[in-house]
Amino acid sequence: MAVKIFNTLSLKKEFFKPTKNKKVGLYTCGPTVYNFAHIGNLRTFIFEDVLRRTLEYNGYKIKHVMNITDIGHLTSDADEGEDKMTKALKREGKPLTLEAMKELADYYAKKFKEDISVLNIENPDIMPKASEHIKEDIEIIKKLEKNKFTYKTNDGIYFDTSKFKNYGKLGKLKTKENKTRIEINPEKKNPSDFALWKFSTQGGSAFGGKLGWESPWGKGFPGWHIECSAMATKYLGQPFDIHTGGIDHIPVHHQNEIAQSEAAYNKPLAKYWIHGEFLIIDSKKMAKSEGNFITLKTIKEKNFNPLAYRFLVLGTHYRKPLNFSWEALGSAQNGLKHLYNQVAHLEVNLPFGRFTSKLIDKKFKEKFLKAINDDLNIPKVLAIVQELLKSRLITNDSKLTTLLDFDKVLGLKLKENLKKKKMEKIPKEIVELAEKREKARKEKNWQEADKLREKIKNLGYEIEDTLKGYELKKK
């Protein structure tokens, strides 16, 4: 069954056709690591995870690149204001050095990776850092200079958007609509022109007047947009298949990536552009600049399961705004607990290791595929899950196998939770004996392992060895 996705480039759903048979190049705009990611950011990463899982479920092999922006991202899309990393160094009382900047970036990158882990978001294959790709940035700027798309101002090297005839084609925006990026810099030829390289010693508020890297144009930093073009092209080639991000990237960041990449190489950057909507709180989008952001740490401190937030996100289509409230998160947590309990109460006859694809219900799998392949319609999938659980025509063994198959896309850890619940029902002494036996097996003390198995059996339980460890079940 073919996958259909909404392409911001054409503003319509399109059948997905990768450039290389079943291999897919996927680039997702990653975090700027000057602070903790907020749950609005994380909504985007959850939708991108669902996209990746859906493609994998359909048999595609994914090469997923997500950048870490640790330099060059200014507080204004108009290439003005302070560098976010420099601002963070001042906020935390650290010295204005590249070493301190790296230390700060590594800390917040680590925290970001912890967040995506507890949300059960699959790790990207490659997570390149912007600071380690200065050479690649310079190479693209040189190509643009050679192709006569650049000009120099007092504070940097700029891209002349008037020379790129299709500027604004993503989402069919017109250049004039971007005049809100106002002519703060009077040397800019057009309001939509953007920085490829910013000098660190001129207009020095952005970088403290001294930080930066040497380049053919002077000491400085790459522009935020050029970093993504350089890293995407290096690891995925050009054109690659899918580029994703939040809808806030459409008017500026992604327009600029397209313009500079196509002007440098005279071919498209990506075939499909997919964007997720905002998380809304108090009628405003959640953003650090708005001062209304909530982190995953706060959610955990309030005793919410991080997967309850994932469940909340899955309940709204990725192209629709999602209103966040603590009441909504509470309802999502209850909904997830109910789902876990529904699964736990399925009386099945086979241990996990014996569940095979033959037990997956074909009709429900077809419904599931139709929903996920229709532009990631996960809210519909959740309705299908409940329909499956309530069906009286399907055995519990088949229900559970089918649900575990669906969870390859949902990522709600149904199997892990079920195993945990089953273990909680087993007396502590039985679990301790099983652990001792597992230790004996690892030490290849087979005589002791057999003795412990027999002891467990005499106490009324069976132990089943699987590839991932053991499973206990009452006889």
Protein backbone atom coordinates (compact mmCIF):
# COMPACT_ATOMS: atom_id res chain seq x y z
CA MET A 1 0.00 0.00 0.00
CA ALA A 2 1.55 3.31 -1.12
CA VAL A 3 2.38 6.06 1.38
CA LYS A 4 0.83 9.49 0.82
CA ILE A 5 2.26 12.57 2.53
CA PHE A 6 1.43 16.27 2.40
CA ASN A 7 4.25 18.06 0.58
CA THR A 8 4.58 21.74 1.57
CA LEU A 9 6.32 22.30 -1.77
CA SER A 10 3.16 21.49 -3.75
CA LEU A 11 0.61 22.08 -0.95
CA LYS A 12 -1.04 18.72 -1.60
CA LYS A 13 -0.84 15.06 -0.65
CA GLU A 14 1.51 13.11 -2.90
CA PHE A 15 2.40 9.46 -3.27
CA PHE A 16 5.86 8.98 -1.80
CA LYS A 17 8.45 7.79 -4.32
CA PRO A 18 12.06 7.76 -3.03
CA THR A 19 14.99 8.54 -5.30
CA LYS A 20 16.67 5.19 -4.62
CA ASN A 21 14.19 2.31 -4.59
CA LYS A 22 13.59 1.43 -0.90
CA LYS A 23 16.32 3.67 0.54
CA VAL A 24 15.20 6.99 2.03
CA GLY A 25 17.30 10.02 2.95
CA LEU A 26 15.59 11.91 5.79
CA TYR A 27 16.82 15.23 7.23
CA THR A 28 15.11 16.67 10.31
CA CYS A 29 16.04 20.10 11.63
CA GLY A 30 17.47 19.47 15.09
CA PRO A 31 17.72 21.52 18.28
CA THR A 32 19.70 24.69 18.93
CA VAL A 33 21.39 23.58 22.13
CA TYR A 34 21.43 26.79 24.15
CA ASN A 35 18.71 25.63 26.56
CA PHE A 36 16.47 22.67 27.29
CA ALA A 37 14.09 21.63 24.52
CA HIS A 38 10.48 22.50 25.36
CA ILE A 39 7.53 20.21 24.73
CA GLY A 40 6.51 22.27 21.69
CA ASN A 41 9.86 21.39 20.11
CA LEU A 42 9.36 17.79 21.18
CA ARG A 43 5.97 17.62 19.47
CA THR A 44 7.80 18.13 16.18
CA PHE A 45 10.31 15.39 16.97
CA ILE A 46 7.48 12.98 17.87
CA PHE A 47 5.74 13.61 14.52
CA GLU A 48 9.06 13.06 12.72
CA ASP A 49 9.53 9.82 14.66
CA VAL A 50 6.08 8.63 13.54
CA LEU A 51 7.02 9.50 9.95
CA ARG A 52 10.23 7.49 10.18
CA ARG A 53 8.49 4.53 11.88
CA THR A 54 5.74 4.58 9.23
CA LEU A 55 8.27 4.44 6.41
CA GLU A 56 10.16 1.63 8.17
CA TYR A 57 6.88 -0.25 8.71
CA ASN A 58 6.35 -0.01 4.94
CA GLY A 59 9.72 -1.65 4.32
CA TYR A 60 11.87 1.42 3.61
CA LYS A 61 15.44 1.63 4.87
CA ILE A 62 15.97 5.07 6.40
CA LYS A 63 19.15 7.11 6.66
CA HIS A 64 18.14 9.74 9.20
CA VAL A 65 20.24 12.87 9.79
CA MET A 66 19.39 15.36 12.53
CA ASN A 67 21.71 18.31 13.07
CA ILE A 68 22.79 19.84 16.35
CA THR A 69 22.96 23.65 16.03
CA ASP A 70 25.68 24.77 18.43
CA ILE A 71 26.73 27.99 16.65
CA GLY A 72 25.41 30.67 14.32
CA HIS A 73 21.71 30.83 15.27
CA LEU A 74 20.81 34.46 15.98
CA THR A 75 17.82 35.53 18.05
CA SER A 76 16.21 37.11 14.97
CA ASP A 77 15.44 35.48 11.63
CA ALA A 78 16.44 38.83 10.10
CA ASP A 79 20.10 37.96 10.88
CA GLU A 80 20.10 40.47 13.72
CA GLY A 81 20.37 40.23 17.47
CA GLU A 82 22.62 38.15 19.62
CA ASP A 83 23.92 34.67 18.89
CA LYS A 84 21.82 32.27 20.99
CA MET A 85 24.87 30.33 22.21
CA THR A 86 26.69 33.54 23.18
CA LYS A 87 23.58 34.72 25.00
CA ALA A 88 23.43 31.40 26.88
CA LEU A 89 27.08 31.73 27.96
CA LYS A 90 26.28 35.13 29.47
CA ARG A 91 23.12 33.78 31.10
CA GLU A 92 25.09 31.02 32.83
CA GLY A 93 28.09 33.19 33.72
CA LYS A 94 30.53 31.31 31.51
CA PRO A 95 33.47 32.90 29.64
CA LEU A 96 32.99 33.96 26.00
CA THR A 97 35.22 31.28 24.50
CA LEU A 98 34.67 28.54 21.94
CA GLU A 99 35.68 26.00 24.58
CA ALA A 100 32.96 27.19 26.97
CA MET A 101 30.47 27.25 24.09
CA LYS A 102 31.28 23.63 23.27
CA GLU A 103 30.88 22.62 26.93
CA LEU A 104 27.50 24.34 27.12
CA ALA A 105 26.34 22.81 23.83
CA ASP A 106 27.41 19.31 24.89
CA TYR A 107 25.42 19.62 28.12
CA TYR A 108 22.17 20.66 26.44
CA ALA A 109 22.67 18.18 23.58
CA LYS A 110 22.98 15.41 26.20
CA LYS A 111 19.76 16.58 27.87
CA PHE A 112 18.00 16.64 24.50
CA LYS A 113 19.09 13.06 23.77
CA GLU A 114 17.75 12.00 27.18
CA ASP A 115 14.40 13.64 26.37
CA ILE A 116 13.96 11.88 23.04
CA SER A 117 14.97 8.60 24.66
CA VAL A 118 12.24 8.72 27.35
CA LEU A 119 9.72 9.70 24.65
CA ASN A 120 10.75 6.53 22.78
CA ILE A 121 11.89 8.52 19.74
CA GLU A 122 14.25 6.49 17.57
CA ASN A 123 17.79 7.84 17.49
CA PRO A 124 18.89 9.45 14.22
CA ASP A 125 21.64 7.59 12.38
CA ILE A 126 23.81 10.71 12.29
CA MET A 127 23.69 13.79 14.54
CA PRO A 128 26.29 16.20 13.10
CA LYS A 129 27.26 19.37 14.95
CA ALA A 130 27.27 22.67 13.09
CA SER A 131 30.56 23.68 14.72
CA GLU A 132 32.30 20.69 13.12
CA HIS A 133 31.24 21.57 9.55
CA ILE A 134 32.72 25.03 8.98
CA LYS A 135 34.74 23.72 6.02
CA GLU A 136 31.57 22.49 4.29
CA ASP A 137 29.83 25.84 4.92
CA ILE A 138 32.70 27.72 3.34
CA GLU A 139 32.69 25.43 0.29
CA ILE A 140 29.02 26.20 -0.45
CA ILE A 141 29.51 29.94 0.06
CA LYS A 142 32.42 29.83 -2.39
CA LYS A 143 30.17 28.13 -4.97
CA LEU A 144 27.51 30.80 -4.43
CA GLU A 145 30.13 33.51 -4.78
CA LYS A 146 31.33 31.96 -8.03
CA ASN A 147 27.73 31.77 -9.29
CA LYS A 148 27.28 35.49 -8.43
CA PHE A 149 24.59 35.08 -5.77
CA THR A 150 26.48 36.88 -2.98
CA TYR A 151 27.44 40.38 -1.91
CA LYS A 152 29.34 41.83 1.01
CA THR A 153 28.10 44.27 3.66
CA ASN A 154 29.72 45.71 6.73
CA ASP A 155 28.57 42.78 8.89
CA GLY A 156 28.81 39.77 6.57
CA ILE A 157 28.35 37.95 3.27
CA TYR A 158 24.73 37.90 2.07
CA PHE A 159 22.66 35.89 -0.41
CA ASP A 160 20.88 38.06 -3.01
CA THR A 161 17.37 36.59 -3.17
CA SER A 162 16.43 38.75 -6.17
CA LYS A 163 18.77 36.60 -8.27
CA PHE A 164 16.96 33.39 -7.30
CA LYS A 165 13.76 33.49 -9.35
CA ASN A 166 11.85 30.89 -7.33
CA TYR A 167 12.47 32.37 -3.90
CA GLY A 168 9.40 31.75 -1.74
CA LYS A 169 8.24 28.66 -3.66
CA LEU A 170 7.97 26.53 -0.49
CA GLY A 171 4.36 26.84 0.56
CA LYS A 172 3.94 29.19 -2.43
CA LEU A 173 4.96 32.23 -0.37
CA LYS A 174 5.80 35.45 -2.18
CA THR A 175 8.94 37.43 -1.45
CA LYS A 176 6.90 40.50 -0.56
CA GLU A 177 5.23 38.54 2.25
CA ASN A 178 8.60 38.28 3.96
CA LYS A 179 9.05 42.02 4.37
CA THR A 180 8.47 41.60 8.08
CA ARG A 181 12.17 40.65 8.20
CA ILE A 182 12.60 44.39 7.81
CA GLU A 183 15.49 46.33 6.46
CA ILE A 184 17.24 46.55 9.85
CA ASN A 185 20.51 46.35 7.94
CA PRO A 186 20.36 49.28 5.46
CA GLU A 187 23.06 47.63 3.34
CA LYS A 188 20.78 44.71 2.41
CA LYS A 189 19.63 44.88 -1.20
CA ASN A 190 16.33 43.12 -0.47
CA PRO A 191 14.42 42.58 2.80
CA SER A 192 14.53 38.80 2.27
CA ASP A 193 18.32 38.63 1.72
CA PHE A 194 20.04 36.53 4.37
CA ALA A 195 23.49 36.06 5.85
CA LEU A 196 25.74 33.26 4.67
CA TRP A 197 28.64 34.37 6.86
CA LYS A 198 28.55 36.89 9.72
CA PHE A 199 31.69 38.74 10.76
CA SER A 200 32.48 38.42 14.45
CA THR A 201 34.36 41.70 14.75
CA GLN A 202 31.82 43.99 13.06
CA GLY A 203 28.41 44.59 14.60
CA GLY A 204 30.03 42.57 17.35
CA SER A 205 27.05 42.21 19.68
CA ALA A 206 26.20 38.84 18.15
CA PHE A 207 29.49 37.07 18.92
CA GLY A 208 31.11 39.17 21.59
CA GLY A 209 33.41 40.78 19.04
CA LYS A 210 36.09 38.08 19.22
CA LEU A 211 34.72 34.54 18.73
CA GLY A 212 34.65 32.82 15.38
CA TRP A 213 36.49 30.91 12.66
CA GLU A 214 38.77 32.15 9.91
CA SER A 215 37.34 32.27 6.39
CA PRO A 216 38.22 33.82 2.99
CA TRP A 217 35.97 36.76 3.97
CA GLY A 218 37.20 37.33 7.52
CA LYS A 219 36.78 35.86 10.99
CA GLY A 220 33.23 34.97 11.86
CA PHE A 221 30.41 32.42 12.00
CA PRO A 222 28.33 30.68 9.33
CA GLY A 223 24.71 31.72 8.97
CA TRP A 224 22.15 29.39 10.54
CA HIS A 225 20.65 28.43 7.17
CA ILE A 226 23.92 27.51 5.44
CA GLU A 227 24.73 25.05 8.24
CA CYS A 228 21.70 22.86 7.49
CA SER A 229 22.35 22.92 3.72
CA ALA A 230 25.97 21.88 4.26
CA MET A 231 25.22 19.03 6.67
CA ALA A 232 22.21 17.70 4.73
CA THR A 233 24.15 17.62 1.45
CA LYS A 234 27.25 16.10 3.02
CA TYR A 235 25.44 13.13 4.56
CA LEU A 236 22.51 12.61 2.19
CA GLY A 237 23.65 14.06 -1.14
CA GLN A 238 21.48 16.35 -3.24
CA PRO A 239 18.66 15.92 -3.92
CA PHE A 240 17.61 13.73 -0.99
CA ASP A 241 14.10 12.51 -0.22
CA ILE A 242 12.53 14.23 2.78
CA HIS A 243 13.23 17.40 4.76
CA THR A 244 11.09 18.08 7.86
CA GLY A 245 10.64 20.65 10.59
CA GLY A 246 8.08 22.85 12.33
CA ILE A 247 5.83 25.19 10.33
CA ASP A 248 7.79 28.16 11.72
CA HIS A 249 10.66 27.10 9.45
CA ILE A 250 8.62 27.55 6.26
CA PRO A 251 8.77 31.36 5.74
CA VAL A 252 12.50 31.85 6.35
CA HIS A 253 14.80 28.99 7.31
CA HIS A 254 13.64 26.42 4.77
CA GLN A 255 13.12 29.00 2.01
CA ASN A 256 16.74 30.03 2.52
CA GLU A 257 18.02 26.45 2.56
CA ILE A 258 16.29 25.82 -0.78
CA ALA A 259 17.58 29.05 -2.35
CA GLN A 260 21.24 28.64 -1.40
CA SER A 261 21.41 24.88 -2.10
CA GLU A 262 19.77 25.13 -5.51
CA ALA A 263 21.80 28.22 -6.43
CA ALA A 264 25.02 26.40 -5.48
CA TYR A 265 24.34 23.04 -7.16
CA ASN A 266 21.60 23.84 -9.71
CA LYS A 267 19.36 20.97 -8.55
CA PRO A 268 16.66 20.54 -5.87
CA LEU A 269 17.66 20.11 -2.23
CA ALA A 270 14.83 17.73 -1.25
CA LYS A 271 11.83 16.18 -3.02
CA TYR A 272 9.36 16.31 -0.11
CA TRP A 273 9.04 18.98 2.60
CA ILE A 274 6.89 18.00 5.59
CA HIS A 275 6.02 20.36 8.45
CA GLY A 276 4.36 19.91 11.84
CA GLU A 277 2.00 22.44 13.42
CA PHE A 278 2.53 24.36 16.68
CA LEU A 279 1.79 23.34 20.23
CA ILE A 280 -0.50 26.06 21.62
CA ILE A 281 -0.65 27.23 25.23
CA ASP A 282 -2.80 30.14 26.44
CA SER A 283 -3.72 30.95 22.81
CA LYS A 284 -0.06 31.40 21.81
CA LYS A 285 2.47 29.03 20.26
CA MET A 286 4.83 27.56 22.82
CA ALA A 287 8.24 29.20 22.40
CA LYS A 288 11.20 30.27 24.50
CA SER A 289 10.86 33.76 23.06
CA GLU A 290 7.29 33.91 24.40
CA GLY A 291 8.46 32.81 27.86
CA ASN A 292 5.66 30.21 28.02
CA PHE A 293 7.61 27.02 27.52
CA ILE A 294 7.39 23.80 29.53
CA THR A 295 10.13 21.18 29.57
CA LEU A 296 9.86 17.42 29.85
CA LYS A 297 11.60 17.70 33.21
CA THR A 298 8.63 19.70 34.54
CA ILE A 299 6.24 17.05 33.22
CA LYS A 300 8.17 14.33 35.06
CA GLU A 301 8.34 16.41 38.25
CA LYS A 302 4.53 16.61 38.19
CA ASN A 303 4.46 12.78 38.13
CA PHE A 304 3.37 12.40 34.52
CA ASN A 305 4.71 9.53 32.43
CA PRO A 306 6.59 11.13 29.48
CA LEU A 307 4.82 8.61 27.23
CA ALA A 308 1.54 10.23 28.31
CA TYR A 309 2.78 13.32 26.48
CA ARG A 310 3.57 11.19 23.43
CA PHE A 311 0.03 9.75 23.67
CA LEU A 312 -1.40 13.29 23.88
CA VAL A 313 0.53 14.29 20.75
CA LEU A 314 -0.61 11.20 18.84
CA GLY A 315 -4.24 12.15 19.45
CA THR A 316 -4.04 15.21 17.16
CA HIS A 317 -2.98 15.10 13.50
CA TYR A 318 0.50 16.56 13.04
CA ARG A 319 -0.82 19.25 10.65
CA LYS A 320 -3.31 20.60 13.19
CA PRO A 321 -2.47 22.88 16.14
CA LEU A 322 -2.50 21.08 19.49
CA ASN A 323 -3.77 22.92 22.57
CA PHE A 324 -1.78 21.98 25.65
CA SER A 325 -3.12 22.10 29.20
CA TRP A 326 -2.36 20.11 32.32
CA GLU A 327 -5.94 18.82 32.23
CA ALA A 328 -5.41 17.54 28.69
CA LEU A 329 -2.18 15.84 29.74
CA GLY A 330 -3.99 14.29 32.71
CA SER A 331 -6.66 12.90 30.38
CA ALA A 332 -3.94 11.53 28.08
CA GLN A 333 -2.24 9.84 31.05
CA ASN A 334 -5.53 8.21 32.04
CA GLY A 335 -6.10 7.17 28.43
CA LEU A 336 -2.66 5.58 28.23
CA LYS A 337 -3.17 3.76 31.56
CA HIS A 338 -6.52 2.49 30.27
CA LEU A 339 -4.85 1.18 27.10
CA TYR A 340 -2.13 -0.52 29.15
CA ASN A 341 -4.80 -2.12 31.36
CA GLN A 342 -6.85 -3.26 28.35
CA VAL A 343 -3.75 -4.97 26.95
CA ALA A 344 -2.80 -6.45 30.34
CA HIS A 345 -6.26 -8.00 30.76
CA LEU A 346 -6.04 -9.92 27.51
CA GLU A 347 -5.85 -13.57 28.56
CA VAL A 348 -3.35 -15.04 26.12
CA ASN A 349 -2.08 -18.58 25.79
CA LEU A 350 1.38 -18.02 24.35
CA PRO A 351 4.52 -16.43 25.87
CA PHE A 352 5.91 -13.41 24.01
CA GLY A 353 8.61 -15.42 22.29
CA ARG A 354 5.97 -17.54 20.51
CA PHE A 355 4.00 -14.68 18.95
CA THR A 356 4.55 -14.69 15.20
CA SER A 357 3.43 -12.52 12.29
CA LYS A 358 0.98 -15.29 11.31
CA LEU A 359 -1.17 -14.23 14.27
CA ILE A 360 -1.55 -10.63 13.04
CA ASP A 361 -5.14 -10.01 11.97
CA LYS A 362 -5.04 -9.20 8.24
CA LYS A 363 -8.18 -7.05 8.11
CA PHE A 364 -7.08 -4.83 10.98
CA LYS A 365 -3.57 -4.60 9.58
CA GLU A 366 -5.07 -3.38 6.31
CA LYS A 367 -7.09 -0.71 8.19
CA PHE A 368 -3.98 0.30 10.10
CA LEU A 369 -1.88 0.62 6.95
CA LYS A 370 -4.57 2.62 5.20
CA ALA A 371 -4.63 5.11 8.11
CA ILE A 372 -0.89 5.58 8.65
CA ASN A 373 -0.21 5.73 4.92
CA ASP A 374 -2.79 8.51 4.53
CA ASP A 375 -0.50 11.32 5.69
CA LEU A 376 0.16 9.73 9.11
CA ASN A 377 -3.45 9.63 10.34
CA ILE A 378 -2.56 8.47 13.85
CA PRO A 379 -5.79 9.74 15.52
CA LYS A 380 -7.64 7.29 13.24
CA VAL A 381 -5.17 4.54 14.19
CA LEU A 382 -6.00 5.05 17.89
CA ALA A 383 -9.68 4.53 17.05
CA ILE A 384 -8.75 1.35 15.16
CA VAL A 385 -6.84 0.13 18.23
CA GLN A 386 -9.99 0.43 20.35
CA GLU A 387 -12.08 -1.25 17.66
CA LEU A 388 -9.62 -4.16 17.67
CA LEU A 389 -9.65 -4.49 21.46
CA LYS A 390 -13.47 -4.59 21.55
CA SER A 391 -13.85 -7.09 18.70
CA ARG A 392 -15.41 -10.43 19.68
CA LEU A 393 -14.38 -12.09 16.45
CA ILE A 394 -10.64 -12.16 17.11
CA THR A 395 -8.71 -14.28 19.62
CA ASN A 396 -6.74 -12.56 22.37
CA ASP A 397 -3.52 -14.04 21.01
CA SER A 398 -4.25 -12.40 17.65
CA LYS A 399 -5.32 -9.12 19.30
CA LEU A 400 -2.11 -8.82 21.28
CA THR A 401 0.11 -9.78 18.35
CA THR A 402 -1.65 -7.23 16.14
CA LEU A 403 -1.36 -4.49 18.79
CA LEU A 404 2.34 -5.14 19.28
CA ASP A 405 2.75 -4.87 15.52
CA PHE A 406 0.91 -1.51 15.48
CA ASP A 407 3.13 -0.28 18.30
CA LYS A 408 6.12 -0.37 15.95
CA VAL A 409 4.66 2.91 14.67
CA LEU A 410 2.90 4.23 17.79
CA GLY A 411 5.95 3.77 20.01
CA LEU A 412 3.95 3.47 23.26
CA LYS A 413 6.00 0.56 24.63
CA LEU A 414 3.02 -1.79 24.93
CA LYS A 415 5.19 -4.89 25.15
CA GLU A 416 7.57 -3.45 27.75
CA ASN A 417 4.66 -2.28 29.89
CA LEU A 418 2.87 -5.61 29.62
CA LYS A 419 5.99 -7.51 30.69
CA LYS A 420 6.37 -5.12 33.62
CA LYS A 421 2.76 -5.65 34.71
CA LYS A 422 3.08 -9.41 34.44
CA MET A 423 6.29 -9.33 36.50
CA GLU A 424 4.58 -7.19 39.14
CA LYS A 425 2.00 -9.97 39.64
CA ILE A 426 4.69 -12.57 40.25
CA PRO A 427 5.92 -13.01 43.86
CA LYS A 428 9.25 -11.39 44.69
CA GLU A 429 10.87 -14.70 45.68
CA ILE A 430 10.08 -16.18 42.23
CA VAL A 431 11.59 -13.18 40.45
CA GLU A 432 14.72 -13.44 42.64
CA LEU A 433 15.11 -17.13 41.75
CA ALA A 434 14.70 -16.29 38.06
CA GLU A 435 17.38 -13.60 38.34
CA LYS A 436 19.77 -16.05 40.03
CA ARG A 437 19.10 -18.56 37.28
CA GLU A 438 19.74 -15.93 34.60
CA LYS A 439 23.06 -15.12 36.28
CA ALA A 440 23.96 -18.83 36.37
CA ARG A 441 23.15 -19.15 32.66
CA LYS A 442 25.36 -16.19 31.79
CA GLU A 443 28.17 -17.83 33.77
CA LYS A 444 27.43 -21.10 31.91
CA ASN A 445 26.71 -22.84 35.21
CA TRP A 446 24.09 -25.08 33.61
CA GLN A 447 23.74 -27.42 36.58
CA GLU A 448 22.81 -24.55 38.90
CA ALA A 449 20.47 -23.07 36.24
CA ASP A 450 18.60 -26.39 35.91
CA LYS A 451 18.32 -26.68 39.68
CA LEU A 452 16.80 -23.20 39.93
CA ARG A 453 14.40 -23.91 37.04
CA GLU A 454 13.13 -26.98 38.89
CA LYS A 455 12.71 -24.96 42.08
CA ILE A 456 10.69 -22.32 40.23
CA LYS A 457 8.56 -25.09 38.68
CA ASN A 458 7.86 -26.68 42.06
CA LEU A 459 6.61 -23.28 43.30
CA GLY A 460 4.01 -23.21 40.54
CA TYR A 461 5.71 -21.12 37.82
CA GLU A 462 7.24 -21.74 34.41
CA ILE A 463 10.24 -19.92 33.01
CA GLU A 464 10.63 -19.43 29.25
CA ASP A 465 14.00 -18.42 27.75
CA THR A 466 13.84 -15.94 24.85
CA LEU A 467 16.36 -14.00 22.79
CA LYS A 468 15.82 -10.98 25.06
CA GLY A 469 16.05 -12.78 28.41
CA TYR A 470 13.41 -14.79 30.23
CA GLU A 471 9.66 -14.75 30.83
CA LEU A 472 7.80 -16.05 33.87
CA LYS A 473 4.30 -17.46 33.78
CA LYS A 474 2.08 -19.13 36.37
CA LYS A 475 1.51 -22.81 35.56
